[in-house]
Amino acid sequence: DFDFETSPSLGGLYFSTPYFYGNESASNGVSFYSMVTREDDVLFASFVNCVVMATIYAQEFDIQKHKSREMPLISILGSEISWALRNAISYSGSYDEMYVKHFDNETTEAGRGRNTLNEGRPLM
């Protein structure tokens, strides 16, 4: 168990869309990993979640590091950083590229379990 309780003056935490799920059985509970930001910084929390979702978007549309310029420009967080998701993919690559680098060299769908891209479905 984790205790995330903090002083009321510090505020709470915001968790992004999970980027990795464990392969436990559902009856044992499923672990997952998310990015965590402070709850009181809504703009930064939104940006972090956009970066997580951008890696999944890049995977779905076969946009890898070397093709990062194909990522769409976004203005949801302001036009002055519309290039940010392109840079994120340029630096780290698509979901598959990051998965292979950091979690496992398994690239087959059967080996991925819950971490297989749900192609053709909504991202959230």
N, C-alpha and C. Protein backbone atom coordinates (compact mmCIF):
# COMPACT_ATOMS: atom_id res chain seq x y z
N ASP A 1 0.82 -1.18 0.00
CA ASP A 1 0.00 0.00 0.00
C ASP A 1 0.87 1.25 0.00
N PHE A 2 0.42 2.24 -0.71
CA PHE A 2 1.11 3.52 -0.76
C PHE A 2 0.25 4.59 -0.11
N ASP A 3 0.87 5.41 0.69
CA ASP A 3 0.16 6.49 1.35
C ASP A 3 0.57 7.79 0.68
N PHE A 4 -0.33 8.37 -0.11
CA PHE A 4 -0.04 9.62 -0.80
C PHE A 4 -0.58 10.82 -0.05
N GLU A 5 -1.00 10.60 1.19
CA GLU A 5 -1.57 11.70 1.96
C GLU A 5 -0.49 12.74 2.24
N THR A 6 -0.84 13.97 2.00
CA THR A 6 0.07 15.08 2.26
C THR A 6 -0.65 16.13 3.06
N SER A 7 0.07 17.10 3.47
CA SER A 7 -0.53 18.22 4.19
C SER A 7 -1.53 18.91 3.26
N PRO A 8 -2.68 19.34 3.78
CA PRO A 8 -3.67 20.03 2.94
C PRO A 8 -3.09 21.26 2.24
N SER A 9 -2.09 21.87 2.80
CA SER A 9 -1.50 23.04 2.17
C SER A 9 -0.66 22.68 0.95
N LEU A 10 -0.25 21.42 0.83
CA LEU A 10 0.57 21.00 -0.32
C LEU A 10 -0.29 20.60 -1.52
N GLY A 11 -1.55 20.31 -1.33
CA GLY A 11 -2.41 19.91 -2.44
C GLY A 11 -2.24 18.43 -2.75
N GLY A 12 -2.91 17.99 -3.81
CA GLY A 12 -2.90 16.58 -4.15
C GLY A 12 -2.05 16.28 -5.37
N LEU A 13 -2.29 15.10 -5.92
CA LEU A 13 -1.53 14.63 -7.08
C LEU A 13 -2.47 14.38 -8.25
N TYR A 14 -1.94 14.51 -9.45
CA TYR A 14 -2.67 14.20 -10.68
C TYR A 14 -1.91 13.09 -11.39
N PHE A 15 -2.60 12.04 -11.82
CA PHE A 15 -1.99 10.91 -12.50
C PHE A 15 -2.38 10.94 -13.97
N SER A 16 -1.42 10.80 -14.85
CA SER A 16 -1.68 10.78 -16.29
C SER A 16 -2.34 9.48 -16.71
N THR A 17 -2.69 9.39 -17.97
CA THR A 17 -3.13 8.13 -18.55
C THR A 17 -2.01 7.12 -18.33
N PRO A 18 -2.32 5.91 -17.88
CA PRO A 18 -1.25 4.92 -17.68
C PRO A 18 -0.50 4.63 -18.98
N TYR A 19 0.81 4.45 -18.86
CA TYR A 19 1.61 4.12 -20.04
C TYR A 19 2.12 2.69 -20.01
N PHE A 20 1.93 1.96 -18.90
CA PHE A 20 2.36 0.57 -18.83
C PHE A 20 1.48 -0.16 -17.83
N TYR A 21 1.01 -1.35 -18.22
CA TYR A 21 0.19 -2.18 -17.35
C TYR A 21 0.94 -3.47 -17.05
N GLY A 22 0.83 -3.93 -15.80
CA GLY A 22 1.42 -5.22 -15.44
C GLY A 22 0.61 -6.35 -16.03
N ASN A 23 1.15 -7.55 -16.00
CA ASN A 23 0.47 -8.71 -16.59
C ASN A 23 -0.12 -9.64 -15.53
N GLU A 24 -0.46 -9.10 -14.36
CA GLU A 24 -1.08 -9.91 -13.33
C GLU A 24 -2.49 -10.30 -13.75
N SER A 25 -3.03 -11.31 -13.10
CA SER A 25 -4.43 -11.65 -13.38
C SER A 25 -5.32 -10.59 -12.74
N ALA A 26 -6.49 -10.41 -13.29
CA ALA A 26 -7.40 -9.37 -12.80
C ALA A 26 -7.80 -9.61 -11.34
N SER A 27 -7.85 -10.87 -10.91
CA SER A 27 -8.24 -11.16 -9.53
C SER A 27 -7.18 -10.71 -8.52
N ASN A 28 -5.95 -10.56 -8.96
CA ASN A 28 -4.87 -10.11 -8.07
C ASN A 28 -4.70 -8.60 -8.09
N GLY A 29 -5.46 -7.92 -8.91
CA GLY A 29 -5.27 -6.48 -9.09
C GLY A 29 -4.24 -6.25 -10.17
N VAL A 30 -4.40 -5.20 -10.91
CA VAL A 30 -3.50 -4.93 -12.03
C VAL A 30 -2.67 -3.69 -11.70
N SER A 31 -1.36 -3.84 -11.80
CA SER A 31 -0.49 -2.69 -11.57
C SER A 31 -0.39 -1.87 -12.85
N PHE A 32 -0.16 -0.59 -12.70
CA PHE A 32 0.05 0.27 -13.85
C PHE A 32 0.96 1.42 -13.45
N TYR A 33 1.58 2.01 -14.44
CA TYR A 33 2.50 3.12 -14.23
C TYR A 33 1.97 4.35 -14.94
N SER A 34 1.99 5.46 -14.24
CA SER A 34 1.54 6.75 -14.77
C SER A 34 2.55 7.81 -14.40
N MET A 35 2.49 8.91 -15.10
CA MET A 35 3.28 10.08 -14.73
C MET A 35 2.49 10.83 -13.65
N VAL A 36 3.19 11.42 -12.69
CA VAL A 36 2.53 12.12 -11.59
C VAL A 36 2.97 13.58 -11.58
N THR A 37 2.00 14.47 -11.44
CA THR A 37 2.29 15.90 -11.32
C THR A 37 1.48 16.43 -10.14
N ARG A 38 1.79 17.64 -9.76
CA ARG A 38 1.03 18.27 -8.68
C ARG A 38 -0.36 18.65 -9.20
N GLU A 39 -1.34 18.44 -8.38
CA GLU A 39 -2.72 18.72 -8.75
C GLU A 39 -2.97 20.20 -9.03
N ASP A 40 -2.22 21.08 -8.38
CA ASP A 40 -2.47 22.52 -8.53
C ASP A 40 -1.85 23.11 -9.80
N ASP A 41 -1.13 22.32 -10.57
CA ASP A 41 -0.54 22.80 -11.82
C ASP A 41 -1.25 22.13 -12.99
N VAL A 42 -2.46 22.57 -13.25
CA VAL A 42 -3.33 21.93 -14.23
C VAL A 42 -2.74 21.97 -15.64
N LEU A 43 -2.16 23.08 -16.03
CA LEU A 43 -1.60 23.20 -17.37
C LEU A 43 -0.46 22.20 -17.58
N PHE A 44 0.45 22.10 -16.60
CA PHE A 44 1.56 21.15 -16.73
C PHE A 44 1.04 19.71 -16.71
N ALA A 45 0.06 19.42 -15.86
CA ALA A 45 -0.52 18.08 -15.81
C ALA A 45 -1.14 17.72 -17.17
N SER A 46 -1.81 18.66 -17.79
CA SER A 46 -2.40 18.44 -19.12
C SER A 46 -1.32 18.20 -20.17
N PHE A 47 -0.25 18.96 -20.08
CA PHE A 47 0.86 18.79 -21.02
C PHE A 47 1.48 17.39 -20.88
N VAL A 48 1.72 16.96 -19.65
CA VAL A 48 2.31 15.64 -19.41
C VAL A 48 1.40 14.55 -19.96
N ASN A 49 0.10 14.68 -19.74
CA ASN A 49 -0.83 13.69 -20.27
C ASN A 49 -0.82 13.70 -21.80
N CYS A 50 -0.71 14.88 -22.41
CA CYS A 50 -0.63 14.97 -23.88
C CYS A 50 0.61 14.26 -24.41
N VAL A 51 1.72 14.37 -23.71
CA VAL A 51 2.95 13.69 -24.14
C VAL A 51 2.76 12.18 -24.08
N VAL A 52 2.15 11.67 -23.01
CA VAL A 52 1.88 10.23 -22.90
C VAL A 52 1.00 9.79 -24.06
N MET A 53 -0.08 10.53 -24.31
CA MET A 53 -0.99 10.16 -25.39
C MET A 53 -0.35 10.30 -26.77
N ALA A 54 0.59 11.24 -26.91
CA ALA A 54 1.28 11.43 -28.20
C ALA A 54 2.10 10.21 -28.58
N THR A 55 2.70 9.55 -27.61
CA THR A 55 3.49 8.35 -27.92
C THR A 55 2.59 7.24 -28.45
N ILE A 56 1.37 7.16 -27.91
CA ILE A 56 0.41 6.16 -28.37
C ILE A 56 -0.13 6.54 -29.75
N TYR A 57 -0.41 7.82 -29.95
CA TYR A 57 -0.84 8.31 -31.25
C TYR A 57 0.23 8.02 -32.32
N ALA A 58 1.47 8.31 -31.99
CA ALA A 58 2.57 8.07 -32.93
C ALA A 58 2.65 6.59 -33.29
N GLN A 59 2.44 5.73 -32.32
CA GLN A 59 2.46 4.30 -32.59
C GLN A 59 1.34 3.91 -33.54
N GLU A 60 0.15 4.43 -33.28
CA GLU A 60 -1.00 4.06 -34.12
C GLU A 60 -0.82 4.50 -35.56
N PHE A 61 -0.17 5.64 -35.77
CA PHE A 61 0.01 6.16 -37.12
C PHE A 61 1.41 5.92 -37.67
N ASP A 62 2.14 4.99 -37.06
CA ASP A 62 3.48 4.57 -37.51
C ASP A 62 4.43 5.75 -37.66
N ILE A 63 4.43 6.63 -36.67
CA ILE A 63 5.35 7.77 -36.65
C ILE A 63 6.45 7.44 -35.65
N GLN A 64 7.63 7.18 -36.15
CA GLN A 64 8.76 6.84 -35.30
C GLN A 64 9.68 8.03 -35.17
N LYS A 65 10.73 7.86 -34.37
CA LYS A 65 11.67 8.96 -34.13
C LYS A 65 12.08 9.67 -35.43
N HIS A 66 12.51 8.88 -36.38
CA HIS A 66 13.03 9.46 -37.63
C HIS A 66 11.94 10.11 -38.49
N LYS A 67 10.66 9.88 -38.15
CA LYS A 67 9.56 10.50 -38.89
C LYS A 67 8.77 11.46 -38.00
N SER A 68 9.40 11.98 -36.95
CA SER A 68 8.69 12.79 -35.96
C SER A 68 8.07 14.06 -36.55
N ARG A 69 8.57 14.53 -37.68
CA ARG A 69 8.00 15.73 -38.31
C ARG A 69 6.59 15.48 -38.84
N GLU A 70 6.18 14.22 -38.88
CA GLU A 70 4.82 13.88 -39.31
C GLU A 70 3.80 14.05 -38.18
N MET A 71 4.28 14.26 -36.96
CA MET A 71 3.35 14.51 -35.85
C MET A 71 2.64 15.82 -36.10
N PRO A 72 1.34 15.87 -35.84
CA PRO A 72 0.62 17.14 -36.04
C PRO A 72 1.04 18.19 -35.02
N LEU A 73 0.98 19.44 -35.44
CA LEU A 73 1.20 20.54 -34.50
C LEU A 73 -0.09 20.68 -33.69
N ILE A 74 0.04 20.99 -32.43
CA ILE A 74 -1.15 21.16 -31.59
C ILE A 74 -1.17 22.56 -31.01
N SER A 75 -2.35 23.10 -30.83
CA SER A 75 -2.45 24.43 -30.22
C SER A 75 -3.27 24.39 -28.94
N ILE A 76 -3.62 23.20 -28.49
CA ILE A 76 -4.46 23.06 -27.30
C ILE A 76 -3.83 23.71 -26.06
N LEU A 77 -2.51 23.74 -26.00
CA LEU A 77 -1.81 24.34 -24.86
C LEU A 77 -1.19 25.69 -25.23
N GLY A 78 -1.56 26.22 -26.38
CA GLY A 78 -1.04 27.51 -26.82
C GLY A 78 -0.18 27.35 -28.06
N SER A 79 -0.28 28.29 -28.96
CA SER A 79 0.45 28.18 -30.24
C SER A 79 1.96 28.30 -30.07
N GLU A 80 2.42 28.89 -28.97
CA GLU A 80 3.87 29.04 -28.79
C GLU A 80 4.57 27.71 -28.50
N ILE A 81 3.82 26.67 -28.14
CA ILE A 81 4.45 25.35 -27.95
C ILE A 81 3.78 24.29 -28.82
N SER A 82 3.28 24.69 -29.96
CA SER A 82 2.59 23.75 -30.85
C SER A 82 3.51 22.64 -31.36
N TRP A 83 4.80 22.83 -31.29
CA TRP A 83 5.80 21.87 -31.76
C TRP A 83 6.17 20.83 -30.70
N ALA A 84 5.68 20.98 -29.48
CA ALA A 84 6.15 20.19 -28.34
C ALA A 84 6.01 18.68 -28.54
N LEU A 85 4.90 18.23 -29.10
CA LEU A 85 4.73 16.79 -29.25
C LEU A 85 5.64 16.23 -30.33
N ARG A 86 5.93 17.02 -31.34
CA ARG A 86 6.92 16.59 -32.33
C ARG A 86 8.27 16.36 -31.66
N ASN A 87 8.65 17.29 -30.79
CA ASN A 87 9.93 17.15 -30.10
C ASN A 87 9.93 15.95 -29.17
N ALA A 88 8.82 15.68 -28.51
CA ALA A 88 8.74 14.52 -27.62
C ALA A 88 8.96 13.23 -28.40
N ILE A 89 8.36 13.12 -29.56
CA ILE A 89 8.53 11.91 -30.38
C ILE A 89 9.92 11.88 -30.99
N SER A 90 10.44 13.02 -31.36
CA SER A 90 11.80 13.10 -31.89
C SER A 90 12.82 12.61 -30.87
N TYR A 91 12.57 12.91 -29.60
CA TYR A 91 13.49 12.53 -28.53
C TYR A 91 13.32 11.07 -28.12
N SER A 92 12.07 10.64 -27.89
CA SER A 92 11.87 9.32 -27.31
C SER A 92 11.26 8.29 -28.25
N GLY A 93 10.62 8.74 -29.31
CA GLY A 93 10.00 7.82 -30.26
C GLY A 93 8.57 7.48 -29.90
N SER A 94 8.01 6.55 -30.64
CA SER A 94 6.62 6.11 -30.43
C SER A 94 6.56 5.20 -29.20
N TYR A 95 5.36 4.79 -28.85
CA TYR A 95 5.16 3.90 -27.70
C TYR A 95 6.00 2.64 -27.86
N ASP A 96 5.97 2.01 -29.03
CA ASP A 96 6.75 0.78 -29.26
C ASP A 96 8.24 1.02 -29.07
N GLU A 97 8.74 2.12 -29.60
CA GLU A 97 10.18 2.39 -29.46
C GLU A 97 10.55 2.54 -27.98
N MET A 98 9.73 3.21 -27.21
CA MET A 98 10.02 3.37 -25.79
C MET A 98 9.83 2.05 -25.05
N TYR A 99 8.83 1.28 -25.41
CA TYR A 99 8.57 -0.01 -24.75
C TYR A 99 9.77 -0.94 -24.92
N VAL A 100 10.25 -1.06 -26.13
CA VAL A 100 11.39 -1.95 -26.40
C VAL A 100 12.62 -1.48 -25.64
N LYS A 101 12.84 -0.18 -25.61
CA LYS A 101 14.03 0.36 -24.95
C LYS A 101 13.98 0.18 -23.43
N HIS A 102 12.82 0.40 -22.81
CA HIS A 102 12.76 0.47 -21.36
C HIS A 102 12.15 -0.73 -20.65
N PHE A 103 11.29 -1.48 -21.31
CA PHE A 103 10.59 -2.54 -20.60
C PHE A 103 10.96 -3.93 -21.06
N ASP A 104 11.01 -4.14 -22.35
CA ASP A 104 11.17 -5.50 -22.82
C ASP A 104 11.48 -5.48 -24.31
N ASN A 105 12.20 -6.46 -24.76
CA ASN A 105 12.46 -6.56 -26.19
C ASN A 105 11.34 -7.30 -26.91
N GLU A 106 10.32 -7.72 -26.19
CA GLU A 106 9.18 -8.44 -26.76
C GLU A 106 8.35 -7.48 -27.61
N THR A 107 8.24 -7.77 -28.90
CA THR A 107 7.48 -6.90 -29.78
C THR A 107 6.23 -7.56 -30.35
N THR A 108 5.99 -8.83 -29.99
CA THR A 108 4.78 -9.49 -30.49
C THR A 108 3.59 -9.10 -29.62
N GLU A 109 2.40 -9.10 -30.21
CA GLU A 109 1.20 -8.75 -29.46
C GLU A 109 0.96 -9.71 -28.30
N ALA A 110 1.22 -10.99 -28.52
CA ALA A 110 0.99 -11.98 -27.46
C ALA A 110 1.89 -11.71 -26.26
N GLY A 111 3.10 -11.26 -26.49
CA GLY A 111 4.03 -10.99 -25.41
C GLY A 111 3.77 -9.69 -24.69
N ARG A 112 3.00 -8.82 -25.28
CA ARG A 112 2.72 -7.51 -24.70
C ARG A 112 1.60 -7.52 -23.68
N GLY A 113 0.69 -8.46 -23.78
CA GLY A 113 -0.44 -8.49 -22.86
C GLY A 113 -1.26 -7.22 -22.97
N ARG A 114 -1.47 -6.56 -21.84
CA ARG A 114 -2.29 -5.34 -21.80
C ARG A 114 -1.62 -4.15 -22.47
N ASN A 115 -0.38 -4.27 -22.84
CA ASN A 115 0.35 -3.14 -23.42
C ASN A 115 0.36 -3.15 -24.94
N THR A 116 -0.55 -3.90 -25.53
CA THR A 116 -0.70 -3.93 -26.99
C THR A 116 -1.56 -2.75 -27.41
N LEU A 117 -1.18 -2.09 -28.48
CA LEU A 117 -1.95 -0.96 -28.98
C LEU A 117 -3.34 -1.44 -29.41
N ASN A 118 -4.34 -0.72 -28.98
CA ASN A 118 -5.73 -1.03 -29.31
C ASN A 118 -6.08 -0.28 -30.59
N GLU A 119 -5.60 -0.78 -31.71
CA GLU A 119 -5.72 -0.07 -32.99
C GLU A 119 -7.17 0.13 -33.41
N GLY A 120 -7.42 1.32 -33.96
CA GLY A 120 -8.73 1.65 -34.48
C GLY A 120 -9.75 2.03 -33.43
N ARG A 121 -9.34 2.11 -32.19
CA ARG A 121 -10.25 2.46 -31.09
C ARG A 121 -9.86 3.82 -30.55
N PRO A 122 -10.74 4.44 -29.79
CA PRO A 122 -10.38 5.73 -29.17
C PRO A 122 -9.16 5.57 -28.27
N LEU A 123 -8.35 6.64 -28.19
CA LEU A 123 -7.16 6.58 -27.35
C LEU A 123 -7.49 6.57 -25.86
N MET A 124 -8.63 7.10 -25.49
CA MET A 124 -8.99 7.11 -24.07
C MET A 124 -10.33 6.47 -23.86
